Amino acid sequence: MKSFKVDLTNSIAVVTGAGGVLCSTIAKELAASGAKVAITDLRQEAADAVATEINAAGGTAIAIACNVLEKESLENACSLIEAQWGSPNILINGAGGNHPKGTTSNPYLKSDDLKENIEGLTTFFDLDPKGIEFVFNLNFLGTLLPTQVFARAMAEKGSGTILNVSSMNAFTPLTKIPAYSGAKAAVSNFTQWLAVHFSQVGIRVNAIAPGFFLTDQNRSLLTNPDGSPTERGNAIISQTPMRRYGAPEDLLGAVLWLLSDEAAGFVTGTVIPIDGGFSAFSGV
């Protein structure tokens, strides 16, 4: 699958969560489009693997271990990037994820669930506040804090582009995952707020909202060991009009369009679903 191309020569991009399936694909495409790309991830080895692949293919990348929830870690990463290349003009806030402690066992609460403690059953009333807090911090603060650190130089220079990663959950919350759905809704709202806030200093802010893509985080929930779909996987495909999961490459056209000042110079504050029609489908 091929995406259209934009020229990002002379651009310096930071991608958080770039060791994952989706953001590593985005990072490689930015490098192929001419950008110097800082691969940041909590896991140094994951960042190294992506940067090595980019450099071997003729691109330019550096790998930096970075915690998006620690401002000092982000500032250290920013200093390393600036020392090697200068200040970034592209930021992709890709770090995020869910946590089992912010997830219910079943999609619906039944009266029997309340009658006695059932081993292994997590109802809404059993959700761990710490799990909820972790999910909100990772997705929302993990978008806000990198923006505080990496966008300051953009504001000072009067130009830059920020792309957040929301989710189709922000449009239509999924069952069982209230923390993740709420956190991604916050990311979408923050994208709009930030687009307005930065509109006078030359920074555009948009987001993509991926639907269902097979990643390291959800593969075991959506597919069985033999590759066949789980019950939840079948439900997802049946509610996706295009009747398939997204491939990481399906994100690239929208990403490049939103990052390009030539193509999308008057586009800011948008959240673009890339979900095969999932968020548009009523089920009938």
Protein backbone atom coordinates (compact mmCIF):
# COMPACT_ATOMS: atom_id res chain seq x y z
CA MET A 1 0.00 0.00 0.00
CA LYS A 2 1.47 3.34 -1.05
CA SER A 3 0.66 6.77 0.31
CA PHE A 4 1.05 10.02 -1.52
CA LYS A 5 4.21 11.98 -0.77
CA VAL A 6 4.94 15.35 0.76
CA ASP A 7 8.34 17.00 1.03
CA LEU A 8 9.44 17.25 4.66
CA THR A 9 13.06 18.05 3.88
CA ASN A 10 14.55 20.35 6.54
CA SER A 11 11.87 19.31 9.01
CA ILE A 12 12.74 17.97 12.46
CA ALA A 13 10.07 15.68 13.87
CA VAL A 14 9.56 14.20 17.33
CA VAL A 15 7.38 11.11 17.57
CA THR A 16 6.43 9.86 21.03
CA GLY A 17 5.52 6.22 21.47
CA ALA A 18 7.45 5.58 18.27
CA GLY A 19 8.45 2.07 19.27
CA GLY A 20 4.88 0.85 18.76
CA VAL A 21 3.35 -0.58 15.60
CA LEU A 22 1.43 2.48 14.45
CA CYS A 23 3.83 5.27 15.40
CA SER A 24 6.89 3.40 14.13
CA THR A 25 5.19 3.20 10.74
CA ILE A 26 4.46 6.92 10.86
CA ALA A 27 8.04 7.71 11.90
CA LYS A 28 9.45 5.69 8.99
CA GLU A 29 7.21 7.53 6.55
CA LEU A 30 8.30 10.92 7.89
CA ALA A 31 11.93 9.90 7.41
CA ALA A 32 11.17 8.65 3.90
CA SER A 33 9.64 12.08 3.21
CA GLY A 34 12.90 13.80 4.17
CA ALA A 35 12.42 14.67 7.84
CA LYS A 36 14.97 14.08 10.55
CA VAL A 37 13.05 12.00 13.10
CA ALA A 38 13.59 11.65 16.84
CA ILE A 39 12.26 8.25 17.85
CA THR A 40 11.16 8.53 21.48
CA ASP A 41 9.77 5.67 23.51
CA LEU A 42 9.73 4.54 27.12
CA ARG A 43 11.70 1.47 25.96
CA GLN A 44 15.17 2.29 24.65
CA GLU A 45 15.46 -1.00 22.77
CA ALA A 46 12.20 -0.38 20.91
CA ALA A 47 13.32 3.12 19.92
CA ASP A 48 16.72 1.79 18.83
CA ALA A 49 15.14 -0.80 16.55
CA VAL A 50 13.05 1.79 14.70
CA ALA A 51 15.89 4.30 14.38
CA THR A 52 18.24 1.60 13.11
CA GLU A 53 15.75 0.59 10.42
CA ILE A 54 15.28 4.19 9.33
CA ASN A 55 19.01 4.89 9.13
CA ALA A 56 19.65 1.63 7.26
CA ALA A 57 17.07 2.70 4.67
CA GLY A 58 18.89 6.00 4.10
CA GLY A 59 16.85 8.18 6.43
CA THR A 60 17.96 10.15 9.46
CA ALA A 61 16.84 9.20 12.94
CA ILE A 62 17.98 9.12 16.54
CA ALA A 63 16.55 6.99 19.34
CA ILE A 64 15.86 8.48 22.77
CA ALA A 65 14.37 6.78 25.81
CA CYS A 66 11.78 9.18 27.16
CA ASN A 67 8.90 9.13 29.65
CA VAL A 68 6.06 11.35 28.47
CA LEU A 69 4.81 11.66 32.06
CA GLU A 70 8.06 13.14 33.38
CA LYS A 71 8.81 16.69 32.29
CA GLU A 72 12.50 16.37 33.14
CA SER A 73 12.77 13.34 30.86
CA LEU A 74 11.08 15.26 28.06
CA GLU A 75 13.34 18.27 28.57
CA ASN A 76 16.42 16.06 28.43
CA ALA A 77 15.17 14.58 25.16
CA CYS A 78 14.52 18.04 23.77
CA SER A 79 18.06 19.14 24.68
CA LEU A 80 19.54 16.12 22.92
CA ILE A 81 17.54 16.83 19.77
CA GLU A 82 18.37 20.51 19.74
CA ALA A 83 22.07 19.83 20.26
CA GLN A 84 22.16 17.45 17.30
CA TRP A 85 19.73 19.01 14.82
CA GLY A 86 18.09 22.14 16.21
CA SER A 87 14.55 22.63 17.50
CA PRO A 88 11.71 20.45 16.18
CA ASN A 89 8.95 21.87 14.00
CA ILE A 90 6.79 18.71 14.02
CA LEU A 91 5.46 16.91 17.09
CA ILE A 92 3.43 13.72 16.94
CA ASN A 93 1.95 12.78 20.31
CA GLY A 94 1.60 9.05 19.81
CA ALA A 95 2.22 7.67 23.29
CA GLY A 96 -0.89 6.23 24.91
CA GLY A 97 -2.67 3.06 25.88
CA ASN A 98 -5.11 1.32 28.20
CA HIS A 99 -4.77 -0.58 31.48
CA PRO A 100 -6.68 -3.65 32.76
CA LYS A 101 -7.55 -1.83 35.98
CA GLY A 102 -9.57 0.69 33.98
CA THR A 103 -11.56 -2.05 32.24
CA THR A 104 -14.73 -3.90 33.21
CA SER A 105 -15.08 -7.64 32.66
CA ASN A 106 -18.41 -7.41 30.85
CA PRO A 107 -20.00 -4.89 28.49
CA TYR A 108 -23.21 -4.69 30.53
CA LEU A 109 -23.93 -4.67 34.25
CA LYS A 110 -26.41 -7.40 35.24
CA SER A 111 -28.29 -7.53 38.52
CA ASP A 112 -26.69 -10.87 39.36
CA ASP A 113 -23.28 -9.19 39.29
CA LEU A 114 -24.23 -7.26 42.42
CA LYS A 115 -25.48 -10.14 44.54
CA GLU A 116 -22.14 -11.56 45.56
CA ASN A 117 -18.45 -11.25 44.94
CA ILE A 118 -17.56 -13.27 41.89
CA GLU A 119 -13.89 -14.15 41.56
CA GLY A 120 -12.30 -12.51 38.56
CA LEU A 121 -15.29 -10.26 37.83
CA THR A 122 -14.67 -6.52 37.61
CA THR A 123 -17.82 -4.43 37.51
CA PHE A 124 -18.03 -0.67 37.18
CA PHE A 125 -18.13 -0.47 40.95
CA ASP A 126 -14.86 -2.39 41.23
CA LEU A 127 -12.80 -0.19 38.92
CA ASP A 128 -9.53 0.83 40.54
CA PRO A 129 -9.09 4.63 40.73
CA LYS A 130 -5.36 4.14 40.27
CA GLY A 131 -5.99 2.28 37.03
CA ILE A 132 -8.28 5.07 35.82
CA GLU A 133 -5.68 7.64 36.81
CA PHE A 134 -2.94 5.77 34.95
CA VAL A 135 -4.95 5.69 31.72
CA PHE A 136 -5.90 9.37 31.92
CA ASN A 137 -2.34 10.40 32.74
CA LEU A 138 -0.79 8.33 29.96
CA ASN A 139 -3.14 9.56 27.26
CA PHE A 140 -3.97 13.12 28.31
CA LEU A 141 -0.95 14.28 30.31
CA GLY A 142 1.18 12.21 27.93
CA THR A 143 -0.05 14.56 25.21
CA LEU A 144 -0.03 17.80 27.20
CA LEU A 145 3.46 17.53 28.71
CA PRO A 146 5.35 16.79 25.45
CA THR A 147 3.49 19.69 23.87
CA GLN A 148 4.63 22.01 26.65
CA VAL A 149 8.24 20.98 26.11
CA PHE A 150 8.54 20.61 22.33
CA ALA A 151 6.13 23.32 21.17
CA ARG A 152 7.76 26.22 23.00
CA ALA A 153 10.42 26.69 20.34
CA MET A 154 7.74 26.41 17.65
CA ALA A 155 5.82 29.25 19.28
CA GLU A 156 8.97 31.34 19.54
CA LYS A 157 9.76 30.79 15.83
CA GLY A 158 6.15 31.31 14.75
CA SER A 159 5.64 27.99 12.96
CA GLY A 160 5.10 24.33 13.65
CA THR A 161 2.68 21.45 13.43
CA ILE A 162 1.35 19.19 16.16
CA LEU A 163 -0.51 15.96 15.50
CA ASN A 164 -2.20 14.17 18.38
CA VAL A 165 -3.39 10.58 18.33
CA SER A 166 -6.95 10.27 19.57
CA SER A 167 -9.25 7.32 18.87
CA MET A 168 -12.64 6.54 17.40
CA ASN A 169 -13.51 5.82 21.06
CA ALA A 170 -13.63 9.60 21.42
CA PHE A 171 -16.62 9.66 19.05
CA THR A 172 -18.40 6.50 20.23
CA PRO A 173 -17.16 4.96 23.49
CA LEU A 174 -16.57 1.22 23.42
CA THR A 175 -17.97 -1.09 26.04
CA LYS A 176 -15.70 -2.26 28.86
CA ILE A 177 -13.08 0.52 28.56
CA PRO A 178 -14.45 3.68 30.17
CA ALA A 179 -11.06 5.05 31.17
CA TYR A 180 -9.53 4.77 27.71
CA SER A 181 -12.63 6.11 25.95
CA GLY A 182 -12.81 9.09 28.30
CA ALA A 183 -9.10 9.78 28.05
CA LYS A 184 -9.16 9.82 24.26
CA ALA A 185 -12.20 12.11 24.31
CA ALA A 186 -10.06 14.43 26.42
CA VAL A 187 -7.30 14.27 23.79
CA SER A 188 -9.77 15.27 21.07
CA ASN A 189 -11.10 18.15 23.15
CA PHE A 190 -7.57 19.27 23.99
CA THR A 191 -6.67 19.18 20.30
CA GLN A 192 -9.43 21.69 19.56
CA TRP A 193 -8.55 23.85 22.57
CA LEU A 194 -4.86 23.88 21.68
CA ALA A 195 -5.55 24.70 18.03
CA VAL A 196 -7.35 27.87 19.13
CA HIS A 197 -4.75 28.71 21.77
CA PHE A 198 -1.84 28.39 19.33
CA SER A 199 -3.59 29.96 16.35
CA GLN A 200 -1.85 33.32 16.76
CA VAL A 201 1.69 31.91 16.96
CA GLY A 202 1.71 29.92 13.73
CA ILE A 203 1.19 26.42 15.12
CA ARG A 204 -1.45 24.14 13.64
CA VAL A 205 -2.84 21.37 15.87
CA ASN A 206 -4.86 18.42 14.60
CA ALA A 207 -5.48 14.79 15.52
CA ILE A 208 -6.11 11.47 13.88
CA ALA A 209 -8.60 9.06 15.44
CA PRO A 210 -7.65 5.51 14.44
CA GLY A 211 -10.26 2.80 14.54
CA PHE A 212 -9.26 -0.82 14.97
CA PHE A 213 -5.71 -1.68 14.04
CA LEU A 214 -3.98 -4.82 15.27
CA THR A 215 -1.20 -3.73 17.62
CA ASP A 216 0.89 -5.34 20.34
CA GLN A 217 -1.56 -4.01 22.93
CA ASN A 218 -4.79 -5.41 21.50
CA ARG A 219 -3.77 -8.43 19.43
CA SER A 220 -4.54 -10.95 22.18
CA LEU A 221 -7.96 -9.36 22.76
CA LEU A 222 -9.01 -9.43 19.11
CA THR A 223 -7.39 -12.62 17.79
CA ASN A 224 -6.92 -16.15 19.06
CA PRO A 225 -3.48 -17.83 19.04
CA ASP A 226 -4.34 -19.44 15.68
CA GLY A 227 -5.12 -16.02 14.19
CA SER A 228 -8.90 -16.42 14.13
CA PRO A 229 -10.97 -13.58 15.58
CA THR A 230 -12.17 -13.63 19.17
CA GLU A 231 -15.80 -12.88 20.00
CA ARG A 232 -14.90 -9.21 20.47
CA GLY A 233 -12.91 -9.27 17.23
CA ASN A 234 -15.92 -10.62 15.35
CA ALA A 235 -18.12 -7.93 16.87
CA ILE A 236 -15.71 -5.23 15.75
CA ILE A 237 -15.47 -6.45 12.18
CA SER A 238 -19.25 -6.79 11.97
CA GLN A 239 -19.57 -3.13 13.00
CA THR A 240 -16.91 -1.90 10.57
CA PRO A 241 -18.50 -1.22 7.18
CA MET A 242 -15.24 -1.91 5.35
CA ARG A 243 -15.11 -5.33 7.08
CA ARG A 244 -11.44 -5.34 8.00
CA TYR A 245 -8.92 -4.00 10.48
CA GLY A 246 -6.82 -1.05 9.48
CA ALA A 247 -3.25 -1.55 8.32
CA PRO A 248 -0.69 0.88 9.79
CA GLU A 249 -0.12 2.25 6.29
CA ASP A 250 -3.76 3.36 6.20
CA LEU A 251 -2.82 6.21 8.54
CA LEU A 252 -0.10 7.69 6.38
CA GLY A 253 -2.05 9.68 3.83
CA ALA A 254 -3.98 11.59 6.49
CA VAL A 255 -0.84 12.11 8.58
CA LEU A 256 1.17 13.54 5.69
CA TRP A 257 -1.71 15.74 4.60
CA LEU A 258 -2.16 17.20 8.08
CA LEU A 259 1.58 17.79 8.52
CA SER A 260 1.98 19.56 5.19
CA ASP A 261 1.61 23.33 5.35
CA GLU A 262 1.16 23.36 1.58
CA ALA A 263 -1.67 20.84 1.62
CA ALA A 264 -3.34 21.66 4.94
CA GLY A 265 -2.18 25.15 5.82
CA PHE A 266 -5.71 26.27 6.72
CA VAL A 267 -6.57 23.09 8.63
CA THR A 268 -6.39 23.21 12.40
CA GLY A 269 -8.51 21.87 15.25
CA THR A 270 -9.70 18.81 13.33
CA VAL A 271 -9.96 15.19 14.50
CA ILE A 272 -9.93 12.84 11.52
CA PRO A 273 -11.42 9.34 11.98
CA ILE A 274 -9.48 6.62 10.17
CA ASP A 275 -11.68 3.70 11.07
CA GLY A 276 -13.24 2.05 8.03
CA GLY A 277 -16.53 3.73 8.84
CA PHE A 278 -16.87 2.33 12.40
CA SER A 279 -17.77 5.68 13.99
CA ALA A 280 -20.32 6.41 11.28
CA PHE A 281 -22.14 3.07 11.46
CA SER A 282 -25.38 2.81 13.47
CA GLY A 283 -25.46 -0.99 13.32
CA VAL A 284 -28.47 -1.11 11.00
